[in-house]
Amino acid sequence: MALLAAVWLPFVNGPRLWLGLPSLLVWSVAWVLVLTPALAYVERCRNNRRAAAAADSAAPRTSLEEC
């Protein structure tokens, strides 16, 4: 949402320079740098759960484990 709303935020979409770069560019790059690790974490957790579920279903079951 922050990337889509950036053009309507007056402190971002204006004739300002942040760190010598246009504020809209800095805003967009900052959000990309924040979102990329967050999405990677979510994907890694999802894959780990899927792999664990597959390993559990592939393991042979005994009559005691079914109880």
PDB file of N, CA and C in Angstrom:
ATOM      1  N   MET A   1       0.809  -1.187   0.000  1.00  0.00           N
ATOM      2  CA  MET A   1       0.000   0.000   0.000  1.00  0.00           C
ATOM      3  C   MET A   1       0.861   1.263   0.000  1.00  0.00           C
ATOM      4  N   ALA A   2       1.998   1.192   0.682  1.00  0.00           N
ATOM      5  CA  ALA A   2       2.848   2.382   0.770  1.00  0.00           C
ATOM      6  C   ALA A   2       3.385   2.783  -0.596  1.00  0.00           C
ATOM      7  N   LEU A   3       3.676   1.800  -1.433  1.00  0.00           N
ATOM      8  CA  LEU A   3       4.183   2.128  -2.767  1.00  0.00           C
ATOM      9  C   LEU A   3       3.092   2.715  -3.645  1.00  0.00           C
ATOM     10  N   LEU A   4       1.871   2.210  -3.516  1.00  0.00           N
ATOM     11  CA  LEU A   4       0.771   2.739  -4.316  1.00  0.00           C
ATOM     12  C   LEU A   4       0.325   4.117  -3.836  1.00  0.00           C
ATOM     13  N   ALA A   5       0.382   4.350  -2.550  1.00  0.00           N
ATOM     14  CA  ALA A   5      -0.065   5.621  -1.985  1.00  0.00           C
ATOM     15  C   ALA A   5       1.000   6.704  -2.051  1.00  0.00           C
ATOM     16  N   ALA A   6       2.192   6.370  -2.478  1.00  0.00           N
ATOM     17  CA  ALA A   6       3.302   7.326  -2.454  1.00  0.00           C
ATOM     18  C   ALA A   6       3.018   8.578  -3.277  1.00  0.00           C
ATOM     19  N   VAL A   7       2.330   8.444  -4.389  1.00  0.00           N
ATOM     20  CA  VAL A   7       2.095   9.620  -5.230  1.00  0.00           C
ATOM     21  C   VAL A   7       1.112  10.592  -4.598  1.00  0.00           C
ATOM     22  N   TRP A   8       0.313  10.144  -3.622  1.00  0.00           N
ATOM     23  CA  TRP A   8      -0.637  11.031  -2.959  1.00  0.00           C
ATOM     24  C   TRP A   8      -0.151  11.518  -1.601  1.00  0.00           C
ATOM     25  N   LEU A   9       1.009  11.069  -1.155  1.00  0.00           N
ATOM     26  CA  LEU A   9       1.564  11.529   0.116  1.00  0.00           C
ATOM     27  C   LEU A   9       2.389  12.787  -0.135  1.00  0.00           C
ATOM     28  N   PRO A  10       1.990  13.919   0.450  1.00  0.00           N
ATOM     29  CA  PRO A  10       2.678  15.179   0.133  1.00  0.00           C
ATOM     30  C   PRO A  10       4.143  15.221   0.584  1.00  0.00           C
ATOM     31  N   PHE A  11       4.486  14.522   1.654  1.00  0.00           N
ATOM     32  CA  PHE A  11       5.880  14.553   2.096  1.00  0.00           C
ATOM     33  C   PHE A  11       6.776  13.684   1.228  1.00  0.00           C
ATOM     34  N   VAL A  12       6.191  12.812   0.411  1.00  0.00           N
ATOM     35  CA  VAL A  12       6.971  11.965  -0.484  1.00  0.00           C
ATOM     36  C   VAL A  12       6.978  12.534  -1.892  1.00  0.00           C
ATOM     37  N   ASN A  13       5.821  12.905  -2.387  1.00  0.00           N
ATOM     38  CA  ASN A  13       5.691  13.376  -3.756  1.00  0.00           C
ATOM     39  C   ASN A  13       5.783  14.896  -3.783  1.00  0.00           C
ATOM     40  N   GLY A  14       6.978  15.375  -3.741  1.00  0.00           N
ATOM     41  CA  GLY A  14       7.212  16.819  -3.777  1.00  0.00           C
ATOM     42  C   GLY A  14       8.598  17.101  -4.328  1.00  0.00           C
ATOM     43  N   PRO A  15       8.874  18.356  -4.535  1.00  0.00           N
ATOM     44  CA  PRO A  15      10.191  18.727  -5.088  1.00  0.00           C
ATOM     45  C   PRO A  15      11.278  18.737  -4.014  1.00  0.00           C
ATOM     46  N   ARG A  16      11.485  17.616  -3.382  1.00  0.00           N
ATOM     47  CA  ARG A  16      12.482  17.512  -2.313  1.00  0.00           C
ATOM     48  C   ARG A  16      13.531  16.473  -2.674  1.00  0.00           C
ATOM     49  N   LEU A  17      14.666  16.628  -2.066  1.00  0.00           N
ATOM     50  CA  LEU A  17      15.725  15.637  -2.209  1.00  0.00           C
ATOM     51  C   LEU A  17      15.991  15.024  -0.845  1.00  0.00           C
ATOM     52  N   TRP A  18      16.024  13.722  -0.807  1.00  0.00           N
ATOM     53  CA  TRP A  18      16.423  12.987   0.386  1.00  0.00           C
ATOM     54  C   TRP A  18      17.714  12.273   0.026  1.00  0.00           C
ATOM     55  N   LEU A  19      18.752  12.522   0.785  1.00  0.00           N
ATOM     56  CA  LEU A  19      20.059  11.905   0.530  1.00  0.00           C
ATOM     57  C   LEU A  19      20.558  12.207  -0.884  1.00  0.00           C
ATOM     58  N   GLY A  20      20.156  13.336  -1.418  1.00  0.00           N
ATOM     59  CA  GLY A  20      20.586  13.741  -2.753  1.00  0.00           C
ATOM     60  C   GLY A  20      19.804  13.115  -3.883  1.00  0.00           C
ATOM     61  N   LEU A  21      18.763  12.368  -3.566  1.00  0.00           N
ATOM     62  CA  LEU A  21      17.927  11.705  -4.572  1.00  0.00           C
ATOM     63  C   LEU A  21      16.490  12.185  -4.418  1.00  0.00           C
ATOM     64  N   PRO A  22      15.691  12.090  -5.478  1.00  0.00           N
ATOM     65  CA  PRO A  22      14.282  12.472  -5.342  1.00  0.00           C
ATOM     66  C   PRO A  22      13.585  11.649  -4.255  1.00  0.00           C
ATOM     67  N   SER A  23      12.735  12.314  -3.496  1.00  0.00           N
ATOM     68  CA  SER A  23      12.105  11.658  -2.347  1.00  0.00           C
ATOM     69  C   SER A  23      11.258  10.456  -2.755  1.00  0.00           C
ATOM     70  N   LEU A  24      10.597  10.505  -3.892  1.00  0.00           N
ATOM     71  CA  LEU A  24       9.786   9.371  -4.335  1.00  0.00           C
ATOM     72  C   LEU A  24      10.660   8.153  -4.629  1.00  0.00           C
ATOM     73  N   LEU A  25      11.834   8.375  -5.184  1.00  0.00           N
ATOM     74  CA  LEU A  25      12.758   7.268  -5.454  1.00  0.00           C
ATOM     75  C   LEU A  25      13.260   6.650  -4.151  1.00  0.00           C
ATOM     76  N   VAL A  26      13.633   7.475  -3.197  1.00  0.00           N
ATOM     77  CA  VAL A  26      14.126   6.975  -1.904  1.00  0.00           C
ATOM     78  C   VAL A  26      13.011   6.215  -1.187  1.00  0.00           C
ATOM     79  N   TRP A  27      11.788   6.743  -1.220  1.00  0.00           N
ATOM     80  CA  TRP A  27      10.644   6.088  -0.587  1.00  0.00           C
ATOM     81  C   TRP A  27      10.417   4.702  -1.196  1.00  0.00           C
ATOM     82  N   SER A  28      10.420   4.622  -2.509  1.00  0.00           N
ATOM     83  CA  SER A  28      10.177   3.352  -3.197  1.00  0.00           C
ATOM     84  C   SER A  28      11.286   2.342  -2.915  1.00  0.00           C
ATOM     85  N   VAL A  29      12.520   2.775  -2.980  1.00  0.00           N
ATOM     86  CA  VAL A  29      13.645   1.872  -2.726  1.00  0.00           C
ATOM     87  C   VAL A  29      13.626   1.388  -1.278  1.00  0.00           C
ATOM     88  N   ALA A  30      13.301   2.266  -0.353  1.00  0.00           N
ATOM     89  CA  ALA A  30      13.255   1.869   1.057  1.00  0.00           C
ATOM     90  C   ALA A  30      12.191   0.790   1.273  1.00  0.00           C
ATOM     91  N   TRP A  31      11.013   0.952   0.679  1.00  0.00           N
ATOM     92  CA  TRP A  31       9.968  -0.049   0.851  1.00  0.00           C
ATOM     93  C   TRP A  31      10.327  -1.362   0.179  1.00  0.00           C
ATOM     94  N   VAL A  32      10.988  -1.301  -0.948  1.00  0.00           N
ATOM     95  CA  VAL A  32      11.430  -2.535  -1.606  1.00  0.00           C
ATOM     96  C   VAL A  32      12.444  -3.260  -0.728  1.00  0.00           C
ATOM     97  N   LEU A  33      13.365  -2.508  -0.134  1.00  0.00           N
ATOM     98  CA  LEU A  33      14.370  -3.119   0.735  1.00  0.00           C
ATOM     99  C   LEU A  33      13.758  -3.694   2.014  1.00  0.00           C
ATOM    100  N   VAL A  34      12.656  -3.142   2.472  1.00  0.00           N
ATOM    101  CA  VAL A  34      11.978  -3.659   3.658  1.00  0.00           C
ATOM    102  C   VAL A  34      11.127  -4.879   3.311  1.00  0.00           C
ATOM    103  N   LEU A  35      10.427  -4.819   2.189  1.00  0.00           N
ATOM    104  CA  LEU A  35       9.506  -5.896   1.833  1.00  0.00           C
ATOM    105  C   LEU A  35      10.200  -7.164   1.345  1.00  0.00           C
ATOM    106  N   THR A  36      11.336  -7.037   0.685  1.00  0.00           N
ATOM    107  CA  THR A  36      12.010  -8.206   0.126  1.00  0.00           C
ATOM    108  C   THR A  36      12.401  -9.219   1.208  1.00  0.00           C
ATOM    109  N   PRO A  37      13.079  -8.831   2.285  1.00  0.00           N
ATOM    110  CA  PRO A  37      13.379  -9.827   3.328  1.00  0.00           C
ATOM    111  C   PRO A  37      12.123 -10.357   4.015  1.00  0.00           C
ATOM    112  N   ALA A  38      11.107  -9.516   4.180  1.00  0.00           N
ATOM    113  CA  ALA A  38       9.873  -9.982   4.812  1.00  0.00           C
ATOM    114  C   ALA A  38       9.202 -11.063   3.961  1.00  0.00           C
ATOM    115  N   LEU A  39       9.137 -10.847   2.665  1.00  0.00           N
ATOM    116  CA  LEU A  39       8.530 -11.845   1.786  1.00  0.00           C
ATOM    117  C   LEU A  39       9.386 -13.108   1.694  1.00  0.00           C
ATOM    118  N   ALA A  40      10.700 -12.959   1.738  1.00  0.00           N
ATOM    119  CA  ALA A  40      11.588 -14.122   1.729  1.00  0.00           C
ATOM    120  C   ALA A  40      11.387 -14.959   2.989  1.00  0.00           C
ATOM    121  N   TYR A  41      11.207 -14.303   4.115  1.00  0.00           N
ATOM    122  CA  TYR A  41      10.956 -15.011   5.374  1.00  0.00           C
ATOM    123  C   TYR A  41       9.639 -15.795   5.314  1.00  0.00           C
ATOM    124  N   VAL A  42       8.603 -15.154   4.801  1.00  0.00           N
ATOM    125  CA  VAL A  42       7.308 -15.822   4.688  1.00  0.00           C
ATOM    126  C   VAL A  42       7.417 -17.031   3.765  1.00  0.00           C
ATOM    127  N   GLU A  43       8.100 -16.874   2.654  1.00  0.00           N
ATOM    128  CA  GLU A  43       8.248 -17.977   1.712  1.00  0.00           C
ATOM    129  C   GLU A  43       9.059 -19.121   2.315  1.00  0.00           C
ATOM    130  N   ARG A  44      10.116 -18.792   3.043  1.00  0.00           N
ATOM    131  CA  ARG A  44      10.930 -19.830   3.667  1.00  0.00           C
ATOM    132  C   ARG A  44      10.131 -20.598   4.712  1.00  0.00           C
ATOM    133  N   CYS A  45       9.352 -19.892   5.519  1.00  0.00           N
ATOM    134  CA  CYS A  45       8.535 -20.560   6.532  1.00  0.00           C
ATOM    135  C   CYS A  45       7.485 -21.452   5.884  1.00  0.00           C
ATOM    136  N   ARG A  46       6.890 -20.985   4.804  1.00  0.00           N
ATOM    137  CA  ARG A  46       5.874 -21.778   4.122  1.00  0.00           C
ATOM    138  C   ARG A  46       6.482 -23.040   3.529  1.00  0.00           C
ATOM    139  N   ASN A  47       7.668 -22.913   2.926  1.00  0.00           N
ATOM    140  CA  ASN A  47       8.328 -24.085   2.355  1.00  0.00           C
ATOM    141  C   ASN A  47       8.764 -25.067   3.427  1.00  0.00           C
ATOM    142  N   ASN A  48       9.220 -24.571   4.568  1.00  0.00           N
ATOM    143  CA  ASN A  48       9.626 -25.461   5.664  1.00  0.00           C
ATOM    144  C   ASN A  48       8.432 -26.238   6.203  1.00  0.00           C
ATOM    145  N   ARG A  49       7.287 -25.584   6.340  1.00  0.00           N
ATOM    146  CA  ARG A  49       6.091 -26.287   6.815  1.00  0.00           C
ATOM    147  C   ARG A  49       5.638 -27.327   5.809  1.00  0.00           C
ATOM    148  N   ARG A  50       5.705 -26.984   4.529  1.00  0.00           N
ATOM    149  CA  ARG A  50       5.293 -27.926   3.486  1.00  0.00           C
ATOM    150  C   ARG A  50       6.227 -29.136   3.460  1.00  0.00           C
ATOM    151  N   ALA A  51       7.540 -28.905   3.610  1.00  0.00           N
ATOM    152  CA  ALA A  51       8.503 -30.011   3.624  1.00  0.00           C
ATOM    153  C   ALA A  51       8.305 -30.890   4.856  1.00  0.00           C
ATOM    154  N   ALA A  52       8.027 -30.276   5.991  1.00  0.00           N
ATOM    155  CA  ALA A  52       7.791 -31.054   7.214  1.00  0.00           C
ATOM    156  C   ALA A  52       6.524 -31.888   7.089  1.00  0.00           C
ATOM    157  N   ALA A  53       5.497 -31.332   6.490  1.00  0.00           N
ATOM    158  CA  ALA A  53       4.255 -32.085   6.306  1.00  0.00           C
ATOM    159  C   ALA A  53       4.463 -33.245   5.341  1.00  0.00           C
ATOM    160  N   ALA A  54       5.254 -33.028   4.303  1.00  0.00           N
ATOM    161  CA  ALA A  54       5.533 -34.103   3.348  1.00  0.00           C
ATOM    162  C   ALA A  54       6.366 -35.201   4.001  1.00  0.00           C
ATOM    163  N   ALA A  55       7.314 -34.825   4.846  1.00  0.00           N
ATOM    164  CA  ALA A  55       8.139 -35.821   5.534  1.00  0.00           C
ATOM    165  C   ALA A  55       7.297 -36.629   6.510  1.00  0.00           C
ATOM    166  N   ASP A  56       6.350 -35.975   7.175  1.00  0.00           N
ATOM    167  CA  ASP A  56       5.483 -36.693   8.116  1.00  0.00           C
ATOM    168  C   ASP A  56       4.572 -37.677   7.391  1.00  0.00           C
ATOM    169  N   SER A  57       4.073 -37.279   6.247  1.00  0.00           N
ATOM    170  CA  SER A  57       3.158 -38.173   5.528  1.00  0.00           C
ATOM    171  C   SER A  57       3.905 -39.321   4.848  1.00  0.00           C
ATOM    172  N   ALA A  58       5.193 -39.154   4.567  1.00  0.00           N
ATOM    173  CA  ALA A  58       5.968 -40.204   3.914  1.00  0.00           C
ATOM    174  C   ALA A  58       6.507 -41.234   4.908  1.00  0.00           C
ATOM    175  N   ALA A  59       6.534 -40.895   6.174  1.00  0.00           N
ATOM    176  CA  ALA A  59       7.066 -41.815   7.185  1.00  0.00           C
ATOM    177  C   ALA A  59       6.090 -42.957   7.417  1.00  0.00           C
ATOM    178  N   PRO A  60       6.607 -44.183   7.543  1.00  0.00           N
ATOM    179  CA  PRO A  60       5.707 -45.315   7.809  1.00  0.00           C
ATOM    180  C   PRO A  60       5.117 -45.194   9.212  1.00  0.00           C
ATOM    181  N   ARG A  61       3.879 -45.560   9.336  1.00  0.00           N
ATOM    182  CA  ARG A  61       3.193 -45.449  10.618  1.00  0.00           C
ATOM    183  C   ARG A  61       2.988 -46.835  11.226  1.00  0.00           C
ATOM    184  N   THR A  62       3.127 -46.891  12.513  1.00  0.00           N
ATOM    185  CA  THR A  62       2.832 -48.139  13.227  1.00  0.00           C
ATOM    186  C   THR A  62       1.466 -47.990  13.880  1.00  0.00           C
ATOM    187  N   SER A  63       0.980 -49.052  14.402  1.00  0.00           N
ATOM    188  CA  SER A  63      -0.363 -49.016  15.004  1.00  0.00           C
ATOM    189  C   SER A  63      -0.368 -48.127  16.248  1.00  0.00           C
ATOM    190  N   LEU A  64       0.761 -47.960  16.948  1.00  0.00           N
ATOM    191  CA  LEU A  64       0.800 -47.120  18.138  1.00  0.00           C
ATOM    192  C   LEU A  64       0.776 -45.644  17.781  1.00  0.00           C
ATOM    193  N   GLU A  65       1.342 -45.279  16.636  1.00  0.00           N
ATOM    194  CA  GLU A  65       1.379 -43.874  16.240  1.00  0.00           C
ATOM    195  C   GLU A  65       0.032 -43.382  15.749  1.00  0.00           C
ATOM    196  N   GLU A  66      -0.850 -44.254  15.352  1.00  0.00           N
ATOM    197  CA  GLU A  66      -2.131 -43.856  14.832  1.00  0.00           C
ATOM    198  C   GLU A  66      -3.108 -43.478  15.938  1.00  0.00           C
ATOM    199  N   CYS A  67      -2.821 -43.821  17.168  1.00  0.00           N
ATOM    200  CA  CYS A  67      -3.725 -43.553  18.286  1.00  0.00           C
ATOM    201  C   CYS A  67      -3.764 -42.099  18.649  1.00  0.00           C
TER     202      CYS A  67
END
